């Protein structure tokens, strides 16, 4: 019976675009963390590898969500993370990787929570976001702990300055992304 309900739901073109954008961003995150996991040594190797696997699974969740609605993801040229790299450059150290990750993961949680508050969010999209959010909270926790552990090496102030720089970039990047989203939905 639940499957019949899902097949009756149809994503609008804009909703499909958003789900495809989320999918693309999760794939981009998986590729990024895959590169980091391949080179990292030490205590964070396990967590970063887990993070890579989570991001890959999230992309699969979005693909399955879209597929369950008898639709296909829209190919995307870029992902949200690409905008970070354009704005702040490629992280130069593991501390910078963790700092940009903390800022990004917190933004992701905030954005997904905002999406969940929208009354017209289709049930399969809502279920996908809720499933992903369990992992996102763990990402914030392990990254925050990793940054605290790095204070001896980098100094608390340098980490705070790096977080502030990435947070400022995030505000600008997110503002532009939301303007894009609003423009897309206003045209509906």
N, C-alpha and C. Protein backbone atom coordinates (compact mmCIF):
# COMPACT_ATOMS: atom_id res chain seq x y z
N UNK A 1 0.82 -1.19 0.00
CA UNK A 1 0.00 0.00 0.00
C UNK A 1 0.86 1.26 0.00
N UNK A 2 1.94 1.28 0.78
CA UNK A 2 2.84 2.42 0.83
C UNK A 2 3.45 2.72 -0.53
N UNK A 3 3.75 1.67 -1.31
CA UNK A 3 4.33 1.87 -2.64
C UNK A 3 3.35 2.56 -3.57
N UNK A 4 2.05 2.23 -3.46
CA UNK A 4 1.05 2.87 -4.30
C UNK A 4 1.00 4.37 -4.02
N UNK A 5 1.13 4.73 -2.76
CA UNK A 5 1.12 6.14 -2.41
C UNK A 5 2.32 6.86 -3.01
N UNK A 6 3.50 6.22 -2.96
CA UNK A 6 4.70 6.83 -3.50
C UNK A 6 4.55 7.05 -4.99
N UNK A 7 4.04 6.06 -5.72
CA UNK A 7 3.93 6.19 -7.17
C UNK A 7 2.93 7.28 -7.57
N UNK A 8 2.03 7.67 -6.69
CA UNK A 8 1.08 8.74 -6.98
C UNK A 8 1.69 10.13 -6.79
N UNK A 9 2.83 10.21 -6.14
CA UNK A 9 3.48 11.49 -5.89
C UNK A 9 4.34 11.82 -7.10
N UNK A 10 4.27 13.06 -7.52
CA UNK A 10 5.06 13.52 -8.65
C UNK A 10 5.81 14.77 -8.21
N UNK A 11 7.13 14.78 -8.39
CA UNK A 11 7.90 15.97 -8.08
C UNK A 11 7.72 16.98 -9.21
N UNK A 12 7.57 18.23 -8.83
CA UNK A 12 7.57 19.28 -9.85
C UNK A 12 8.98 19.36 -10.44
N UNK A 13 9.11 20.07 -11.54
CA UNK A 13 10.43 20.23 -12.16
C UNK A 13 11.42 20.85 -11.16
N UNK A 14 10.97 21.83 -10.39
CA UNK A 14 11.84 22.47 -9.41
C UNK A 14 12.19 21.55 -8.25
N UNK A 15 11.22 20.77 -7.79
CA UNK A 15 11.50 19.81 -6.72
C UNK A 15 12.49 18.75 -7.19
N UNK A 16 12.35 18.31 -8.43
CA UNK A 16 13.29 17.35 -9.00
C UNK A 16 14.68 17.97 -9.11
N UNK A 17 14.73 19.24 -9.49
CA UNK A 17 16.01 19.95 -9.58
C UNK A 17 16.69 20.01 -8.21
N UNK A 18 15.92 20.34 -7.17
CA UNK A 18 16.48 20.43 -5.81
C UNK A 18 16.99 19.07 -5.36
N UNK A 19 16.19 18.01 -5.53
CA UNK A 19 16.63 16.67 -5.14
C UNK A 19 17.87 16.26 -5.92
N UNK A 20 17.93 16.63 -7.18
CA UNK A 20 19.10 16.33 -8.01
C UNK A 20 20.32 17.12 -7.54
N UNK A 21 20.08 18.37 -7.13
CA UNK A 21 21.16 19.20 -6.60
C UNK A 21 21.71 18.59 -5.31
N UNK A 22 20.82 18.14 -4.43
CA UNK A 22 21.24 17.48 -3.20
C UNK A 22 22.07 16.23 -3.54
N UNK A 23 21.58 15.44 -4.49
CA UNK A 23 22.29 14.22 -4.91
C UNK A 23 23.69 14.57 -5.41
N UNK A 24 23.77 15.58 -6.25
CA UNK A 24 25.07 16.00 -6.80
C UNK A 24 26.01 16.47 -5.69
N UNK A 25 25.47 17.20 -4.73
CA UNK A 25 26.30 17.68 -3.62
C UNK A 25 26.81 16.52 -2.77
N UNK A 26 25.96 15.53 -2.55
CA UNK A 26 26.40 14.36 -1.77
C UNK A 26 27.48 13.59 -2.53
N UNK A 27 27.35 13.48 -3.85
CA UNK A 27 28.38 12.81 -4.65
C UNK A 27 29.69 13.59 -4.59
N UNK A 28 29.59 14.90 -4.67
CA UNK A 28 30.79 15.73 -4.58
C UNK A 28 31.47 15.55 -3.23
N UNK A 29 30.66 15.50 -2.15
CA UNK A 29 31.21 15.27 -0.82
C UNK A 29 31.88 13.92 -0.73
N UNK A 30 31.28 12.90 -1.33
CA UNK A 30 31.88 11.56 -1.31
C UNK A 30 33.23 11.57 -2.03
N UNK A 31 33.29 12.21 -3.18
CA UNK A 31 34.55 12.24 -3.92
C UNK A 31 35.63 13.01 -3.14
N UNK A 32 35.23 14.12 -2.52
CA UNK A 32 36.18 14.89 -1.71
C UNK A 32 36.71 14.05 -0.55
N UNK A 33 35.80 13.44 0.20
CA UNK A 33 36.24 12.65 1.35
C UNK A 33 36.94 11.37 0.93
N UNK A 34 36.63 10.86 -0.24
CA UNK A 34 37.37 9.72 -0.76
C UNK A 34 38.83 10.07 -0.99
N UNK A 35 39.07 11.27 -1.55
CA UNK A 35 40.46 11.72 -1.76
C UNK A 35 41.17 11.93 -0.42
N UNK A 36 40.47 12.53 0.53
CA UNK A 36 41.07 12.76 1.85
C UNK A 36 41.34 11.41 2.53
N UNK A 37 40.36 10.51 2.50
CA UNK A 37 40.51 9.20 3.16
C UNK A 37 41.65 8.39 2.57
N UNK A 38 41.88 8.58 1.28
CA UNK A 38 42.95 7.82 0.62
C UNK A 38 44.33 8.26 1.10
N UNK A 39 44.47 9.49 1.53
CA UNK A 39 45.79 10.01 1.89
C UNK A 39 46.02 10.19 3.39
N UNK A 40 44.97 10.23 4.17
CA UNK A 40 45.10 10.54 5.60
C UNK A 40 45.69 9.36 6.37
N UNK A 41 46.45 9.68 7.37
CA UNK A 41 47.01 8.69 8.29
C UNK A 41 46.63 9.11 9.71
N UNK A 42 46.72 8.20 10.61
CA UNK A 42 46.47 8.55 12.00
C UNK A 42 45.05 8.30 12.45
N UNK A 43 44.71 8.86 13.60
CA UNK A 43 43.43 8.54 14.25
C UNK A 43 42.19 8.95 13.45
N UNK A 44 42.29 9.95 12.59
CA UNK A 44 41.12 10.39 11.84
C UNK A 44 40.83 9.53 10.62
N UNK A 45 41.73 8.63 10.28
CA UNK A 45 41.54 7.81 9.09
C UNK A 45 40.21 7.06 9.11
N UNK A 46 39.89 6.48 10.24
CA UNK A 46 38.65 5.71 10.37
C UNK A 46 37.42 6.60 10.20
N UNK A 47 37.40 7.75 10.87
CA UNK A 47 36.25 8.64 10.80
C UNK A 47 36.08 9.25 9.41
N UNK A 48 37.18 9.65 8.79
CA UNK A 48 37.10 10.25 7.45
C UNK A 48 36.64 9.21 6.44
N UNK A 49 37.10 7.97 6.59
CA UNK A 49 36.64 6.91 5.69
C UNK A 49 35.15 6.65 5.89
N UNK A 50 34.70 6.67 7.14
CA UNK A 50 33.27 6.52 7.44
C UNK A 50 32.48 7.66 6.81
N UNK A 51 33.02 8.87 6.92
CA UNK A 51 32.37 10.05 6.36
C UNK A 51 32.23 9.90 4.84
N UNK A 52 33.31 9.43 4.19
CA UNK A 52 33.27 9.16 2.74
C UNK A 52 32.14 8.19 2.41
N UNK A 53 32.04 7.12 3.18
CA UNK A 53 31.00 6.12 2.94
C UNK A 53 29.60 6.71 3.15
N UNK A 54 29.46 7.55 4.17
CA UNK A 54 28.16 8.19 4.42
C UNK A 54 27.75 9.07 3.24
N UNK A 55 28.67 9.89 2.76
CA UNK A 55 28.34 10.80 1.66
C UNK A 55 27.93 10.01 0.42
N UNK A 56 28.63 8.93 0.16
CA UNK A 56 28.28 8.07 -0.98
C UNK A 56 26.90 7.46 -0.78
N UNK A 57 26.62 7.00 0.42
CA UNK A 57 25.29 6.44 0.72
C UNK A 57 24.21 7.51 0.55
N UNK A 58 24.49 8.74 0.96
CA UNK A 58 23.51 9.81 0.83
C UNK A 58 23.16 10.06 -0.64
N UNK A 59 24.16 10.03 -1.50
CA UNK A 59 23.90 10.19 -2.94
C UNK A 59 22.99 9.06 -3.42
N UNK A 60 23.24 7.87 -2.92
CA UNK A 60 22.41 6.73 -3.28
C UNK A 60 20.99 6.90 -2.75
N UNK A 61 20.85 7.42 -1.54
CA UNK A 61 19.51 7.66 -0.99
C UNK A 61 18.72 8.62 -1.89
N UNK A 62 19.39 9.69 -2.35
CA UNK A 62 18.71 10.65 -3.22
C UNK A 62 18.36 10.01 -4.56
N UNK A 63 19.27 9.21 -5.08
CA UNK A 63 18.98 8.51 -6.33
C UNK A 63 17.77 7.60 -6.15
N UNK A 64 17.75 6.86 -5.05
CA UNK A 64 16.62 5.96 -4.77
C UNK A 64 15.32 6.73 -4.56
N UNK A 65 15.40 7.85 -3.88
CA UNK A 65 14.22 8.69 -3.64
C UNK A 65 13.63 9.14 -4.98
N UNK A 66 14.48 9.68 -5.82
CA UNK A 66 14.03 10.17 -7.13
C UNK A 66 13.48 9.01 -7.96
N UNK A 67 14.18 7.90 -7.95
CA UNK A 67 13.76 6.71 -8.69
C UNK A 67 12.42 6.18 -8.18
N UNK A 68 12.21 6.24 -6.86
CA UNK A 68 10.95 5.74 -6.29
C UNK A 68 9.75 6.55 -6.76
N UNK A 69 10.03 7.75 -7.24
CA UNK A 69 8.98 8.61 -7.76
C UNK A 69 8.90 8.54 -9.29
N UNK A 70 9.50 7.47 -9.83
CA UNK A 70 9.51 7.22 -11.29
C UNK A 70 10.09 8.39 -12.07
N UNK A 71 11.13 8.99 -11.52
CA UNK A 71 11.81 10.08 -12.21
C UNK A 71 13.31 9.78 -12.21
N UNK A 72 14.06 10.56 -12.97
CA UNK A 72 15.51 10.40 -13.04
C UNK A 72 16.15 11.72 -12.64
N UNK A 73 17.25 11.61 -11.93
CA UNK A 73 17.97 12.81 -11.47
C UNK A 73 18.43 13.63 -12.68
N UNK A 74 18.40 14.91 -12.51
CA UNK A 74 18.89 15.84 -13.52
C UNK A 74 20.41 15.94 -13.35
N UNK A 75 21.18 15.73 -14.41
CA UNK A 75 22.64 15.90 -14.30
C UNK A 75 22.97 17.35 -13.94
N UNK A 76 23.89 17.51 -13.01
CA UNK A 76 24.29 18.85 -12.55
C UNK A 76 25.74 19.11 -12.96
N UNK A 77 26.01 20.34 -13.36
CA UNK A 77 27.38 20.71 -13.73
C UNK A 77 28.27 20.88 -12.50
N UNK A 78 27.70 21.43 -11.45
CA UNK A 78 28.51 21.65 -10.24
C UNK A 78 27.69 21.32 -9.01
N UNK A 79 28.36 21.34 -7.88
CA UNK A 79 27.72 21.05 -6.60
C UNK A 79 27.97 22.22 -5.66
N UNK A 80 27.24 22.21 -4.58
CA UNK A 80 27.37 23.28 -3.60
C UNK A 80 28.82 23.42 -3.12
N UNK A 81 29.50 22.28 -2.92
CA UNK A 81 30.88 22.29 -2.44
C UNK A 81 31.81 23.00 -3.42
N UNK A 82 31.52 22.90 -4.71
CA UNK A 82 32.36 23.57 -5.70
C UNK A 82 32.38 25.07 -5.47
N UNK A 83 31.28 25.58 -5.00
CA UNK A 83 31.20 27.02 -4.72
C UNK A 83 32.12 27.40 -3.56
N UNK A 84 32.27 26.49 -2.60
CA UNK A 84 33.20 26.73 -1.49
C UNK A 84 34.62 26.81 -2.02
N UNK A 85 34.99 25.84 -2.84
CA UNK A 85 36.36 25.80 -3.35
C UNK A 85 36.65 27.04 -4.20
N UNK A 86 35.65 27.50 -4.95
CA UNK A 86 35.82 28.72 -5.75
C UNK A 86 36.02 29.93 -4.84
N UNK A 87 35.31 29.97 -3.73
CA UNK A 87 35.35 31.13 -2.83
C UNK A 87 36.56 31.15 -1.92
N UNK A 88 36.96 29.99 -1.40
CA UNK A 88 38.02 29.97 -0.38
C UNK A 88 39.24 29.16 -0.80
N UNK A 89 39.18 28.50 -1.93
CA UNK A 89 40.31 27.69 -2.38
C UNK A 89 40.29 26.31 -1.74
N UNK A 90 41.21 25.50 -2.19
CA UNK A 90 41.33 24.13 -1.68
C UNK A 90 41.99 24.18 -0.30
N UNK A 91 41.43 23.48 0.68
CA UNK A 91 42.06 23.47 2.01
C UNK A 91 43.52 23.02 1.93
N UNK A 92 44.38 23.73 2.68
CA UNK A 92 45.82 23.47 2.62
C UNK A 92 46.32 22.54 3.71
N UNK A 93 45.46 22.19 4.66
CA UNK A 93 45.88 21.32 5.76
C UNK A 93 44.67 20.51 6.22
N UNK A 94 44.94 19.49 7.00
CA UNK A 94 43.85 18.69 7.55
C UNK A 94 42.96 19.54 8.46
N UNK A 95 43.57 20.49 9.16
CA UNK A 95 42.77 21.38 10.01
C UNK A 95 41.79 22.17 9.14
N UNK A 96 42.24 22.67 7.99
CA UNK A 96 41.35 23.42 7.11
C UNK A 96 40.26 22.52 6.53
N UNK A 97 40.60 21.27 6.23
CA UNK A 97 39.59 20.31 5.77
C UNK A 97 38.51 20.15 6.83
N UNK A 98 38.94 19.98 8.08
CA UNK A 98 37.97 19.80 9.16
C UNK A 98 37.16 21.07 9.40
N UNK A 99 37.81 22.23 9.30
CA UNK A 99 37.11 23.50 9.53
C UNK A 99 36.05 23.74 8.47
N UNK A 100 36.40 23.57 7.21
CA UNK A 100 35.42 23.80 6.15
C UNK A 100 34.31 22.75 6.24
N UNK A 101 34.66 21.55 6.67
CA UNK A 101 33.66 20.49 6.84
C UNK A 101 32.68 20.85 7.94
N UNK A 102 33.17 21.36 9.06
CA UNK A 102 32.29 21.74 10.16
C UNK A 102 31.29 22.81 9.71
N UNK A 103 31.81 23.83 9.05
CA UNK A 103 30.94 24.91 8.58
C UNK A 103 29.91 24.36 7.59
N UNK A 104 30.38 23.55 6.66
CA UNK A 104 29.49 23.01 5.64
C UNK A 104 28.44 22.07 6.23
N UNK A 105 28.84 21.19 7.13
CA UNK A 105 27.90 20.23 7.72
C UNK A 105 26.85 20.94 8.57
N UNK A 106 27.25 21.97 9.29
CA UNK A 106 26.27 22.73 10.06
C UNK A 106 25.27 23.42 9.14
N UNK A 107 25.77 23.94 8.03
CA UNK A 107 24.88 24.58 7.05
C UNK A 107 23.91 23.54 6.47
N UNK A 108 24.44 22.35 6.17
CA UNK A 108 23.61 21.29 5.59
C UNK A 108 22.47 20.94 6.55
N UNK A 109 22.79 20.78 7.82
CA UNK A 109 21.76 20.46 8.81
C UNK A 109 20.72 21.58 8.85
N UNK A 110 21.17 22.81 8.88
CA UNK A 110 20.24 23.94 8.91
C UNK A 110 19.35 23.98 7.68
N UNK A 111 19.95 23.73 6.52
CA UNK A 111 19.18 23.78 5.28
C UNK A 111 18.19 22.62 5.22
N UNK A 112 18.64 21.43 5.56
CA UNK A 112 17.73 20.28 5.55
C UNK A 112 16.59 20.48 6.56
N UNK A 113 16.89 21.04 7.72
CA UNK A 113 15.82 21.34 8.69
C UNK A 113 14.81 22.32 8.11
N UNK A 114 15.33 23.32 7.41
CA UNK A 114 14.44 24.30 6.77
C UNK A 114 13.56 23.60 5.73
N UNK A 115 14.15 22.71 4.96
CA UNK A 115 13.38 21.98 3.94
C UNK A 115 12.29 21.13 4.61
N UNK A 116 12.62 20.52 5.75
CA UNK A 116 11.63 19.70 6.47
C UNK A 116 10.47 20.54 6.99
N UNK A 117 10.70 21.82 7.28
CA UNK A 117 9.63 22.69 7.79
C UNK A 117 8.64 23.10 6.71
N UNK A 118 9.00 22.90 5.45
CA UNK A 118 8.09 23.24 4.35
C UNK A 118 6.96 22.22 4.32
N UNK A 119 5.75 22.70 4.42
CA UNK A 119 4.58 21.83 4.52
C UNK A 119 4.38 20.94 3.29
N UNK A 120 4.81 21.41 2.13
CA UNK A 120 4.56 20.66 0.90
C UNK A 120 5.70 19.72 0.51
N UNK A 121 6.61 19.46 1.42
CA UNK A 121 7.71 18.54 1.12
C UNK A 121 7.15 17.13 0.94
N UNK A 122 7.35 16.54 -0.24
CA UNK A 122 6.82 15.18 -0.48
C UNK A 122 7.39 14.18 0.53
N UNK A 123 6.57 13.21 0.91
CA UNK A 123 6.96 12.22 1.92
C UNK A 123 8.28 11.51 1.60
N UNK A 124 8.54 11.08 0.37
CA UNK A 124 9.83 10.42 0.10
C UNK A 124 11.03 11.35 0.27
N UNK A 125 10.85 12.60 -0.06
CA UNK A 125 11.92 13.59 0.13
C UNK A 125 12.15 13.79 1.62
N UNK A 126 11.07 13.94 2.36
CA UNK A 126 11.14 14.12 3.82
C UNK A 126 11.86 12.92 4.46
N UNK A 127 11.50 11.71 4.07
CA UNK A 127 12.11 10.50 4.64
C UNK A 127 13.60 10.44 4.31
N UNK A 128 13.97 10.86 3.10
CA UNK A 128 15.38 10.86 2.70
C UNK A 128 16.17 11.85 3.54
N UNK A 129 15.64 13.04 3.71
CA UNK A 129 16.33 14.05 4.53
C UNK A 129 16.48 13.55 5.96
N UNK A 130 15.42 13.01 6.53
CA UNK A 130 15.48 12.53 7.91
C UNK A 130 16.53 11.43 8.08
N UNK A 131 16.62 10.54 7.12
CA UNK A 131 17.62 9.46 7.16
C UNK A 131 19.04 10.03 7.10
N UNK A 132 19.25 11.00 6.23
CA UNK A 132 20.57 11.61 6.06
C UNK A 132 20.96 12.40 7.31
N UNK A 133 19.99 13.05 7.94
CA UNK A 133 20.28 13.90 9.10
C UNK A 133 20.92 13.13 10.25
N UNK A 134 20.62 11.87 10.38
CA UNK A 134 21.25 11.07 11.44
C UNK A 134 22.77 11.06 11.26
N UNK A 135 23.23 10.90 10.04
CA UNK A 135 24.67 10.91 9.76
C UNK A 135 25.25 12.31 9.88
N UNK A 136 24.52 13.30 9.42
CA UNK A 136 25.04 14.67 9.44
C UNK A 136 25.36 15.12 10.87
N UNK A 137 24.53 14.74 11.80
CA UNK A 137 24.79 15.11 13.20
C UNK A 137 26.08 14.47 13.69
N UNK A 138 26.32 13.21 13.32
CA UNK A 138 27.57 12.56 13.71
C UNK A 138 28.76 13.26 13.05
N UNK A 139 28.62 13.68 11.80
CA UNK A 139 29.70 14.38 11.11
C UNK A 139 30.12 15.62 11.90
N UNK A 140 29.14 16.40 12.34
CA UNK A 140 29.45 17.60 13.11
C UNK A 140 30.17 17.24 14.40
N UNK A 141 29.71 16.20 15.06
CA UNK A 141 30.31 15.79 16.33
C UNK A 141 31.77 15.36 16.16
N UNK A 142 32.04 14.48 15.20
CA UNK A 142 33.42 13.99 15.07
C UNK A 142 34.35 15.08 14.58
N UNK A 143 33.86 15.95 13.70
CA UNK A 143 34.71 17.03 13.18
C UNK A 143 35.01 18.04 14.28
N UNK A 144 34.01 18.37 15.07
CA UNK A 144 34.22 19.31 16.19
C UNK A 144 35.27 18.75 17.15
N UNK A 145 35.17 17.45 17.46
CA UNK A 145 36.16 16.81 18.33
C UNK A 145 37.55 16.80 17.69
N UNK A 146 37.62 16.56 16.40
CA UNK A 146 38.91 16.56 15.69
C UNK A 146 39.56 17.94 15.77
N UNK A 147 38.76 18.98 15.59
CA UNK A 147 39.32 20.33 15.67
C UNK A 147 39.80 20.64 17.08
N UNK A 148 39.08 20.20 18.09
CA UNK A 148 39.55 20.39 19.46
C UNK A 148 40.88 19.68 19.68
N UNK A 149 41.02 18.49 19.14
CA UNK A 149 42.27 17.74 19.26
C UNK A 149 43.42 18.43 18.52
N UNK A 150 43.11 19.22 17.52
CA UNK A 150 44.14 19.90 16.73
C UNK A 150 44.60 21.22 17.34
N UNK A 151 43.96 21.63 18.44
CA UNK A 151 44.33 22.91 19.05
C UNK A 151 45.79 22.96 19.48
N UNK A 152 46.32 21.84 19.97
CA UNK A 152 47.73 21.82 20.38
C UNK A 152 48.65 22.13 19.20
N UNK A 153 48.33 21.59 18.05
CA UNK A 153 49.20 21.76 16.89
C UNK A 153 49.02 23.13 16.23
N UNK A 154 47.77 23.56 16.05
CA UNK A 154 47.50 24.78 15.29
C UNK A 154 47.22 26.00 16.16
N UNK A 155 46.82 25.74 17.39
CA UNK A 155 46.42 26.83 18.27
C UNK A 155 44.94 27.12 18.13
N UNK A 156 44.31 27.35 19.25
CA UNK A 156 42.87 27.60 19.27
C UNK A 156 42.51 28.81 18.42
N UNK A 157 43.32 29.87 18.49
CA UNK A 157 43.00 31.09 17.75
C UNK A 157 43.06 30.87 16.24
N UNK A 158 44.04 30.13 15.75
CA UNK A 158 44.12 29.88 14.31
C UNK A 158 42.92 29.07 13.83
N UNK A 159 42.50 28.12 14.63
CA UNK A 159 41.32 27.33 14.26
C UNK A 159 40.08 28.23 14.26
N UNK A 160 39.93 29.06 15.27
CA UNK A 160 38.78 29.97 15.32
C UNK A 160 38.80 30.95 14.15
N UNK A 161 39.99 31.46 13.79
CA UNK A 161 40.10 32.37 12.65
C UNK A 161 39.73 31.67 11.34
N UNK A 162 40.17 30.42 11.21
CA UNK A 162 39.85 29.64 10.01
C UNK A 162 38.36 29.38 9.93
N UNK A 163 37.75 29.01 11.06
CA UNK A 163 36.30 28.80 11.09
C UNK A 163 35.56 30.10 10.74
N UNK A 164 36.04 31.23 11.25
CA UNK A 164 35.40 32.51 10.96
C UNK A 164 35.50 32.85 9.48
N UNK A 165 36.65 32.59 8.88
CA UNK A 165 36.84 32.85 7.44
C UNK A 165 35.89 31.98 6.61
N UNK A 166 35.80 30.70 6.96
CA UNK A 166 34.93 29.80 6.21
C UNK A 166 33.45 30.11 6.48
N UNK A 167 33.13 30.54 7.68
CA UNK A 167 31.75 30.91 7.99
C UNK A 167 31.34 32.14 7.19
N UNK A 168 32.22 33.12 7.07
CA UNK A 168 31.91 34.31 6.28
C UNK A 168 31.69 33.94 4.81
N UNK A 169 32.53 33.06 4.29
CA UNK A 169 32.35 32.60 2.91
C UNK A 169 31.04 31.85 2.77
N UNK A 170 30.71 31.04 3.77
CA UNK A 170 29.48 30.25 3.74
C UNK A 170 28.25 31.15 3.68
N UNK A 171 28.25 32.22 4.44
CA UNK A 171 27.11 33.14 4.44
C UNK A 171 26.90 33.69 3.03
N UNK A 172 27.97 34.07 2.38
CA UNK A 172 27.88 34.61 1.02
C UNK A 172 27.42 33.53 0.03
N UNK A 173 28.04 32.36 0.10
CA UNK A 173 27.72 31.26 -0.82
C UNK A 173 26.27 30.83 -0.63
N UNK A 174 25.85 30.68 0.61
CA UNK A 174 24.49 30.23 0.88
C UNK A 174 23.48 31.28 0.42
N UNK A 175 23.80 32.54 0.64
CA UNK A 175 22.90 33.61 0.19
C UNK A 175 22.68 33.56 -1.31
N UNK A 176 23.74 33.35 -2.05
CA UNK A 176 23.61 33.24 -3.52
C UNK A 176 22.82 31.99 -3.90
N UNK A 177 23.08 30.89 -3.22
CA UNK A 177 22.35 29.65 -3.53
C UNK A 177 20.87 29.81 -3.24
N UNK A 178 20.53 30.45 -2.13
CA UNK A 178 19.12 30.63 -1.78
C UNK A 178 18.44 31.57 -2.77
N UNK A 179 19.15 32.57 -3.24
CA UNK A 179 18.58 33.46 -4.25
C UNK A 179 18.27 32.67 -5.52
N UNK A 180 19.16 31.76 -5.90
CA UNK A 180 18.93 30.87 -7.04
C UNK A 180 17.69 30.02 -6.83
N UNK A 181 17.60 29.41 -5.64
CA UNK A 181 16.46 28.56 -5.34
C UNK A 181 15.17 29.36 -5.40
N UNK A 182 15.16 30.55 -4.78
CA UNK A 182 13.96 31.38 -4.75
C UNK A 182 13.56 31.81 -6.16
N UNK A 183 14.54 32.15 -6.99
CA UNK A 183 14.27 32.52 -8.37
C UNK A 183 13.65 31.35 -9.13
N UNK A 184 14.17 30.18 -8.91
CA UNK A 184 13.66 28.97 -9.56
C UNK A 184 12.20 28.72 -9.14
N UNK A 185 11.92 28.84 -7.85
CA UNK A 185 10.56 28.57 -7.38
C UNK A 185 9.60 29.71 -7.67
N UNK A 186 10.09 30.95 -7.77
CA UNK A 186 9.23 32.08 -8.10
C UNK A 186 8.72 31.96 -9.54
N UNK A 187 9.52 31.36 -10.41
CA UNK A 187 9.16 31.20 -11.81
C UNK A 187 8.11 30.10 -12.00
N UNK A 188 7.83 29.37 -10.97
CA UNK A 188 6.89 28.22 -11.02
C UNK A 188 5.47 28.66 -11.23
